Every structure is written in C-alpha cells, then in structure tokens.
Protein backbone atom coordinates (compact mmCIF):
# COMPACT_ATOMS: atom_id res chain seq x y z
CA MET A 1 3.25 19.08 -0.08
CA GLU A 2 5.71 17.50 2.35
CA LEU A 3 5.85 13.73 2.38
CA THR A 4 6.44 13.54 6.13
CA GLU A 5 3.30 15.48 7.05
CA LEU A 6 0.31 13.49 8.24
CA VAL A 7 -2.52 14.14 5.80
CA PRO A 8 -5.76 15.15 7.54
CA ARG A 9 -8.64 12.80 6.77
CA ARG A 10 -10.69 15.52 5.03
CA GLU A 11 -7.83 16.22 2.58
CA ARG A 12 -7.03 12.64 1.59
CA LYS A 13 -9.11 12.60 -1.59
CA LYS A 14 -7.51 15.84 -2.74
CA VAL A 15 -4.02 14.52 -1.99
CA MET A 16 -4.83 11.30 -3.84
CA ARG A 17 -5.88 13.37 -6.89
CA THR A 18 -2.48 15.06 -6.76
CA ILE A 19 -0.73 11.69 -6.42
CA VAL A 20 -2.59 10.35 -9.47
CA CYS A 21 -1.65 13.40 -11.53
CA VAL A 22 2.02 13.33 -10.53
CA ALA A 23 2.18 9.54 -10.99
CA VAL A 24 0.80 9.79 -14.54
CA TYR A 25 3.38 12.48 -15.29
CA ALA A 26 6.27 10.56 -13.71
CA VAL A 27 5.43 7.24 -15.37
CA LEU A 28 4.95 8.74 -18.84
CA ASN A 29 8.03 10.94 -18.51
CA HIS A 30 10.16 7.97 -17.40
CA CYS A 31 8.85 5.80 -20.24
CA LEU A 32 9.50 8.57 -22.77
CA ARG A 33 13.09 9.15 -21.59
CA GLU A 34 13.85 5.43 -21.70
CA LYS A 35 12.16 4.97 -25.09
CA LEU A 36 14.06 7.88 -26.61
CA PHE A 37 17.34 6.47 -25.29
CA GLU A 38 16.51 2.99 -26.54
CA ASP A 39 15.52 4.20 -30.01
CA CYS A 40 18.84 6.00 -30.59
CA GLU A 41 21.56 3.55 -31.56
CA GLY A 42 24.24 6.12 -30.73
CA CYS A 43 22.94 6.52 -27.18
CA VAL A 44 22.63 2.77 -26.67
CA ILE A 45 26.22 2.05 -27.73
CA ASP A 46 27.50 5.31 -26.19
CA ALA A 47 28.99 6.49 -29.49
CA PRO A 48 31.20 9.57 -29.20
CA GLY A 49 30.25 11.23 -32.51
CA GLN A 50 26.94 12.88 -33.29
CA GLN A 51 26.76 11.17 -36.68
CA HIS A 52 25.77 7.95 -34.86
CA HIS A 53 23.02 9.65 -32.85
CA ASP A 54 19.61 9.64 -34.52
CA CYS A 55 18.29 11.59 -31.54
CA VAL A 56 19.93 14.84 -32.69
CA THR A 57 17.62 14.94 -35.71
CA TRP A 58 14.38 14.09 -33.92
CA THR A 59 11.72 16.76 -34.07
CA SER A 60 8.86 17.47 -31.69
CA ILE A 61 6.68 15.48 -34.10
CA ASP A 62 8.90 12.40 -33.58
CA ILE A 63 8.82 12.82 -29.80
CA ASN A 64 5.05 13.35 -29.76
CA CYS A 65 4.54 10.23 -31.88
CA LYS A 66 6.61 8.15 -29.42
CA LEU A 67 4.70 9.65 -26.47
CA GLN A 68 1.32 8.86 -28.06
CA GLY A 69 2.45 5.27 -28.60
CA LEU A 70 3.53 4.99 -24.98
CA CYS A 71 0.15 6.31 -23.81
CA ALA A 72 -1.59 3.64 -25.88
CA ASP A 73 0.69 0.92 -24.48
CA LEU A 74 0.72 2.06 -20.84
CA CYS A 75 -0.43 -0.63 -18.42
CA LEU A 76 -3.00 0.93 -16.10
CA GLU A 77 -2.31 -1.76 -13.49
CA SER A 78 1.32 -0.62 -13.24
CA LEU A 79 0.21 2.99 -12.88
CA LEU A 80 -2.31 1.97 -10.23
CA ASN A 81 0.39 0.06 -8.32
CA THR A 82 2.50 3.22 -8.27
CA VAL A 83 -0.43 5.30 -6.99
CA ILE A 84 -1.23 2.72 -4.29
CA ALA A 85 2.41 2.51 -3.16
CA VAL A 86 2.71 6.28 -2.80
CA GLY A 87 -0.70 6.69 -1.14
CA TYR A 88 0.14 3.93 1.33
CA ALA A 89 3.59 5.38 2.07
CA MET A 90 2.01 8.77 2.77
CA GLN A 91 -0.66 7.14 4.97
CA CYS A 92 -3.44 8.69 2.92
CA LEU A 93 -4.50 5.82 0.68
CA CYS A 94 -8.09 6.55 -0.27
CA LEU A 95 -8.60 5.29 -3.79
CA THR A 96 -11.98 5.88 -5.42
CA GLN A 97 -13.50 5.35 -8.85
CA GLU A 98 -12.93 9.07 -9.40
CA HIS A 99 -9.16 8.62 -9.03
CA LEU A 100 -9.12 5.74 -11.52
CA ALA A 101 -11.12 7.81 -14.02
CA GLN A 102 -8.78 10.76 -13.46
CA GLY A 103 -5.76 8.63 -14.41
CA VAL A 104 -7.42 7.48 -17.63
CA THR A 105 -8.53 11.04 -18.43
CA LEU A 106 -5.00 12.39 -17.98
CA ILE A 107 -3.48 9.67 -20.17
CA ASN A 108 -6.11 10.32 -22.85
CA ALA A 109 -5.46 14.08 -22.66
CA VAL A 110 -1.81 13.44 -23.48
CA GLN A 111 -2.44 10.74 -26.08
CA PHE A 112 -5.08 12.57 -28.10
CA SER A 113 -3.61 16.06 -27.88
CA GLY A 114 -2.11 17.82 -30.86
CA ASP A 115 1.01 18.40 -28.73
CA PRO A 116 1.29 15.54 -26.21
CA ASP A 117 4.71 16.63 -24.90
CA HIS A 118 3.34 20.09 -24.03
CA VAL A 119 0.31 18.59 -22.25
CA LEU A 120 2.58 16.25 -20.28
CA LYS A 121 4.90 19.08 -19.20
CA LYS A 122 1.93 21.18 -18.00
CA MET A 123 0.52 18.32 -15.91
CA THR A 124 2.27 19.10 -12.62
CA LYS A 125 2.47 22.24 -10.50
CA PRO A 126 5.57 23.73 -8.84
CA GLU A 127 4.14 22.93 -5.39
CA ASP A 128 4.17 19.22 -6.34
CA ALA A 129 7.98 19.17 -6.77
CA CYS A 130 8.69 17.19 -3.57
CA LEU A 131 6.09 14.55 -4.41
CA GLN A 132 7.33 14.47 -8.00
CA ARG A 133 10.92 13.74 -6.89
CA TYR A 134 9.66 10.95 -4.64
CA ILE A 135 7.57 9.31 -7.37
CA ASP A 136 10.36 9.80 -9.93
CA ARG A 137 12.76 7.87 -7.68
CA LEU A 138 10.20 5.10 -7.27
CA VAL A 139 9.43 4.84 -10.99
CA ARG A 140 13.09 4.95 -12.08
CA THR A 141 13.74 1.70 -10.23
CA LYS A 142 11.71 -0.07 -12.93
CA SER A 143 12.47 -0.75 -16.57
CA TYR A 144 10.00 1.26 -18.60
CA ARG A 145 8.91 -1.93 -20.36
CA THR A 146 7.47 -3.27 -17.09
CA LEU A 147 5.12 -0.27 -17.07
CA LEU A 148 3.69 -1.15 -20.48
CA LYS A 149 1.10 -3.72 -21.51
CA LYS A 150 2.55 -7.15 -22.12
CA LYS A 151 2.76 -7.94 -25.83
CA ASP A 152 1.61 -11.35 -26.99
CA TYR A 153 4.19 -12.78 -29.34
CA LEU A 154 3.28 -15.88 -31.31
C-alpha cells in the first residue's frame, strides 16, 4: 500500500482495518522497546560492560510478561488518536465500531496469548511495510508512557 495513492471509496473500510492492525503493532512494539530499555539499568546509563546490563539475561518469558503488562496498560484513546491521524493523512478516514472492536481484539490476542511476542510479530504482512514505517515514525515521536493509561497516584 502506497501512502500517496488516493484510496477508492469502496476500499476505505479495508484500508482502515489495515491501519488499525499496523497501528496496534507499531504502538505495542514501540512501548515494548522503550520499556525494555527503561528496565535495564545498563542501557539507561549506557554502561560499557555487559555485567551492568540486566537485558542480556532476559528470557522470552520476561519479554512476554512485560508485553502482557503493556497490553493491559495501553490507553485505547491514544491508539485511536494514532489510527485517526493516519486515516486522515491518507484521506481515507472511515472509522466504524468494527474498527474499534478490531483494535481491542488484536490487543487481547497479544495479551492473552501463551506467546505474546510471537503473536505481535505475526500481526503485520510484508505488503504493509510502507504503512508500518510511516506509523512507526509517528509513534516514535511520543514517549511510550503517553500511550499508556494514566496512573492515579495518591
């Protein structure tokens, strides 16, 4: 899918489904990368030796646990704002209840899977690469914490 092409009216719902799927992938992937970086003291302080990097000992179980937590904390409003921005930029914004449900279904599929990282990686198709790069650039402009639900601290 090229971002400069005008999307025919009859294909807008289909394109919006693709945008939702790629946006869920991009947002969760961005949050996971940032969370993994933040949780490793060696990465945060840019330590030269591996002995300071907890990340070298993380297993797929550790990564999946972090990803499940991010799914639970993801702010759907932030995801929706990303979808709207991309749909509007591509001049094919046609958001329906089906698209909202699709986003929730995809997040739940990752969160409640036995292997969330695998499910996330299988979410996009090779033909979505151009759209994925576009959404990745958009999402990376934000701190991952702005994409999560606000925590109430007393």
